[in-house]
Amino acid sequence: MGAALSVPSNIAEGYTRGSLKDYLRFLDFARASLAELESHLHFMVENDLLADPAYGELDRKASDVGNILVALMRSLNRKLKDGSWNRVSEEQAEYLFALDNPPLPPSSFLPPGEGG
């Protein structure tokens, strides 16, 4: 069910890109992830892995999210055309690495002795 996590993740990633075109592209990715989730739910109910009442509730929620995404995309497309999009100003998070912090553990993605 990684698709369920991809929906809000794509929305967040697209918004932080700073470009309206990128934001719209990632909203489209979110919509595709939602379709993937709906496909998984359908598979689960067809194969008796999910009860019909639970499926009905989840399907309604997915449909609501899809409607919200489409409405947001339409609104943002209008703003793209007329140039009226203004992101809400946000303070940038400061990612500082204090030199007095203990060293980071070695990365599990690198062979032993290379990095960390």
C-alpha atoms as a PDB file:
ATOM      1  CA  MET A   1       0.000   0.000   0.000  1.00  0.00           C
ATOM      2  CA  GLY A   2       2.869   2.328  -0.714  1.00  0.00           C
ATOM      3  CA  ALA A   3       0.562   4.134  -3.126  1.00  0.00           C
ATOM      4  CA  ALA A   4      -1.394   5.434  -0.125  1.00  0.00           C
ATOM      5  CA  LEU A   5       1.746   7.147   1.183  1.00  0.00           C
ATOM      6  CA  SER A   6       2.707   8.393  -2.270  1.00  0.00           C
ATOM      7  CA  VAL A   7      -0.376  10.614  -2.538  1.00  0.00           C
ATOM      8  CA  PRO A   8       0.477  13.090   0.272  1.00  0.00           C
ATOM      9  CA  SER A   9       4.209  12.672  -0.365  1.00  0.00           C
ATOM     10  CA  ASN A  10       3.858  13.806  -3.982  1.00  0.00           C
ATOM     11  CA  ILE A  11       1.692  16.754  -2.938  1.00  0.00           C
ATOM     12  CA  ALA A  12       4.280  17.861  -0.386  1.00  0.00           C
ATOM     13  CA  GLU A  13       7.232  17.354  -2.728  1.00  0.00           C
ATOM     14  CA  GLY A  14       5.567  19.235  -5.558  1.00  0.00           C
ATOM     15  CA  TYR A  15       4.662  22.180  -3.351  1.00  0.00           C
ATOM     16  CA  THR A  16       8.197  22.539  -2.040  1.00  0.00           C
ATOM     17  CA  ARG A  17       9.631  22.655  -5.555  1.00  0.00           C
ATOM     18  CA  GLY A  18       8.586  26.301  -5.711  1.00  0.00           C
ATOM     19  CA  SER A  19       7.419  26.221  -9.317  1.00  0.00           C
ATOM     20  CA  LEU A  20       3.717  26.068 -10.134  1.00  0.00           C
ATOM     21  CA  LYS A  21       4.415  23.824 -13.131  1.00  0.00           C
ATOM     22  CA  ASP A  22       6.339  21.403 -10.905  1.00  0.00           C
ATOM     23  CA  TYR A  23       3.575  21.530  -8.295  1.00  0.00           C
ATOM     24  CA  LEU A  24       0.980  20.637 -10.944  1.00  0.00           C
ATOM     25  CA  ARG A  25       3.178  17.821 -12.239  1.00  0.00           C
ATOM     26  CA  PHE A  26       3.482  16.336  -8.760  1.00  0.00           C
ATOM     27  CA  LEU A  27      -0.255  16.728  -8.159  1.00  0.00           C
ATOM     28  CA  ASP A  28      -0.710  14.631 -11.279  1.00  0.00           C
ATOM     29  CA  PHE A  29       1.678  12.046  -9.788  1.00  0.00           C
ATOM     30  CA  ALA A  30      -0.458  12.088  -6.630  1.00  0.00           C
ATOM     31  CA  ARG A  31      -3.570  11.488  -8.716  1.00  0.00           C
ATOM     32  CA  ALA A  32      -1.857   8.548 -10.427  1.00  0.00           C
ATOM     33  CA  SER A  33      -0.883   7.120  -7.030  1.00  0.00           C
ATOM     34  CA  LEU A  34      -4.483   7.452  -5.929  1.00  0.00           C
ATOM     35  CA  ALA A  35      -5.593   5.473  -8.993  1.00  0.00           C
ATOM     36  CA  GLU A  36      -3.020   2.827  -8.110  1.00  0.00           C
ATOM     37  CA  LEU A  37      -4.414   2.680  -4.562  1.00  0.00           C
ATOM     38  CA  GLU A  38      -7.951   2.290  -5.905  1.00  0.00           C
ATOM     39  CA  SER A  39      -6.720  -0.565  -8.086  1.00  0.00           C
ATOM     40  CA  HIS A  40      -5.170  -2.266  -5.053  1.00  0.00           C
ATOM     41  CA  LEU A  41      -8.403  -1.875  -3.097  1.00  0.00           C
ATOM     42  CA  HIS A  42     -10.413  -3.348  -5.967  1.00  0.00           C
ATOM     43  CA  PHE A  43      -8.006  -6.294  -6.177  1.00  0.00           C
ATOM     44  CA  MET A  44      -8.271  -6.870  -2.437  1.00  0.00           C
ATOM     45  CA  VAL A  45     -12.068  -6.929  -2.381  1.00  0.00           C
ATOM     46  CA  GLU A  46     -12.250  -9.158  -5.483  1.00  0.00           C
ATOM     47  CA  ASN A  47      -9.898 -11.637  -3.825  1.00  0.00           C
ATOM     48  CA  ASP A  48     -11.669 -11.590  -0.448  1.00  0.00           C
ATOM     49  CA  LEU A  49      -8.795  -9.802   1.271  1.00  0.00           C
ATOM     50  CA  LEU A  50     -10.982  -6.831   2.197  1.00  0.00           C
ATOM     51  CA  ALA A  51     -14.601  -6.851   3.336  1.00  0.00           C
ATOM     52  CA  ASP A  52     -17.162  -5.032   1.187  1.00  0.00           C
ATOM     53  CA  PRO A  53     -18.124  -2.483   3.908  1.00  0.00           C
ATOM     54  CA  ALA A  54     -14.489  -1.506   4.460  1.00  0.00           C
ATOM     55  CA  TYR A  55     -13.950  -1.315   0.707  1.00  0.00           C
ATOM     56  CA  GLY A  56     -16.991   0.951   0.309  1.00  0.00           C
ATOM     57  CA  GLU A  57     -15.716   3.370   2.955  1.00  0.00           C
ATOM     58  CA  LEU A  58     -12.162   3.433   1.585  1.00  0.00           C
ATOM     59  CA  ASP A  59     -13.427   3.815  -1.981  1.00  0.00           C
ATOM     60  CA  ARG A  60     -15.575   6.811  -0.966  1.00  0.00           C
ATOM     61  CA  LYS A  61     -12.616   8.416   0.794  1.00  0.00           C
ATOM     62  CA  ALA A  62     -10.371   7.829  -2.221  1.00  0.00           C
ATOM     63  CA  SER A  63     -13.031   9.367  -4.449  1.00  0.00           C
ATOM     64  CA  ASP A  64     -13.247  12.411  -2.166  1.00  0.00           C
ATOM     65  CA  VAL A  65      -9.477  12.840  -2.273  1.00  0.00           C
ATOM     66  CA  GLY A  66      -9.536  12.490  -6.063  1.00  0.00           C
ATOM     67  CA  ASN A  67     -12.210  15.177  -6.348  1.00  0.00           C
ATOM     68  CA  ILE A  68     -10.190  17.516  -4.128  1.00  0.00           C
ATOM     69  CA  LEU A  69      -7.040  16.888  -6.192  1.00  0.00           C
ATOM     70  CA  VAL A  70      -8.830  17.576  -9.476  1.00  0.00           C
ATOM     71  CA  ALA A  71     -10.399  20.766  -8.085  1.00  0.00           C
ATOM     72  CA  LEU A  72      -6.998  21.942  -6.830  1.00  0.00           C
ATOM     73  CA  MET A  73      -5.384  21.184 -10.182  1.00  0.00           C
ATOM     74  CA  ARG A  74      -8.101  23.083 -12.059  1.00  0.00           C
ATOM     75  CA  SER A  75      -7.737  26.064  -9.756  1.00  0.00           C
ATOM     76  CA  LEU A  76      -3.952  26.068 -10.091  1.00  0.00           C
ATOM     77  CA  ASN A  77      -4.135  25.700 -13.872  1.00  0.00           C
ATOM     78  CA  ARG A  78      -6.273  28.855 -13.990  1.00  0.00           C
ATOM     79  CA  LYS A  79      -3.698  30.627 -11.833  1.00  0.00           C
ATOM     80  CA  LEU A  80      -0.918  29.396 -14.119  1.00  0.00           C
ATOM     81  CA  LYS A  81      -2.709  30.895 -17.118  1.00  0.00           C
ATOM     82  CA  ASP A  82      -3.359  34.273 -15.499  1.00  0.00           C
ATOM     83  CA  GLY A  83      -0.120  34.423 -13.474  1.00  0.00           C
ATOM     84  CA  SER A  84      -1.860  34.972 -10.151  1.00  0.00           C
ATOM     85  CA  TRP A  85      -0.285  32.154  -8.100  1.00  0.00           C
ATOM     86  CA  ASN A  86       1.444  33.302  -4.945  1.00  0.00           C
ATOM     87  CA  ARG A  87       2.804  30.730  -2.579  1.00  0.00           C
ATOM     88  CA  VAL A  88       2.119  31.286   1.063  1.00  0.00           C
ATOM     89  CA  SER A  89       5.293  32.696   2.520  1.00  0.00           C
ATOM     90  CA  GLU A  90       7.020  30.255   4.804  1.00  0.00           C
ATOM     91  CA  GLU A  91      10.097  30.506   6.904  1.00  0.00           C
ATOM     92  CA  GLN A  92      12.777  28.197   5.609  1.00  0.00           C
ATOM     93  CA  ALA A  93      13.851  25.490   8.017  1.00  0.00           C
ATOM     94  CA  GLU A  94      17.465  25.762   9.028  1.00  0.00           C
ATOM     95  CA  TYR A  95      19.290  22.493   8.674  1.00  0.00           C
ATOM     96  CA  LEU A  96      22.452  23.097  10.608  1.00  0.00           C
ATOM     97  CA  PHE A  97      24.938  20.478  11.563  1.00  0.00           C
ATOM     98  CA  ALA A  98      26.559  21.358  14.847  1.00  0.00           C
ATOM     99  CA  LEU A  99      30.203  20.389  14.960  1.00  0.00           C
ATOM    100  CA  ASP A 100      29.889  19.284  18.561  1.00  0.00           C
ATOM    101  CA  ASN A 101      27.344  16.583  17.643  1.00  0.00           C
ATOM    102  CA  PRO A 102      28.563  12.990  17.697  1.00  0.00           C
ATOM    103  CA  PRO A 103      29.479  11.616  14.258  1.00  0.00           C
ATOM    104  CA  LEU A 104      26.743  10.052  12.201  1.00  0.00           C
ATOM    105  CA  PRO A 105      26.627   6.266  12.094  1.00  0.00           C
ATOM    106  CA  PRO A 106      28.024   4.632   8.964  1.00  0.00           C
ATOM    107  CA  SER A 107      25.606   4.536   6.047  1.00  0.00           C
ATOM    108  CA  SER A 108      23.989   1.190   5.402  1.00  0.00           C
ATOM    109  CA  PHE A 109      24.096   2.042   1.694  1.00  0.00           C
ATOM    110  CA  LEU A 110      27.866   2.066   1.433  1.00  0.00           C
ATOM    111  CA  PRO A 111      30.324  -0.797   1.778  1.00  0.00           C
ATOM    112  CA  PRO A 112      32.052  -0.927   5.190  1.00  0.00           C
ATOM    113  CA  GLY A 113      34.841   1.618   5.481  1.00  0.00           C
ATOM    114  CA  GLU A 114      33.493   3.883   2.722  1.00  0.00           C
ATOM    115  CA  GLY A 115      31.721   6.880   4.202  1.00  0.00           C
ATOM    116  CA  GLY A 116      29.806   7.510   7.322  1.00  0.00           C
END
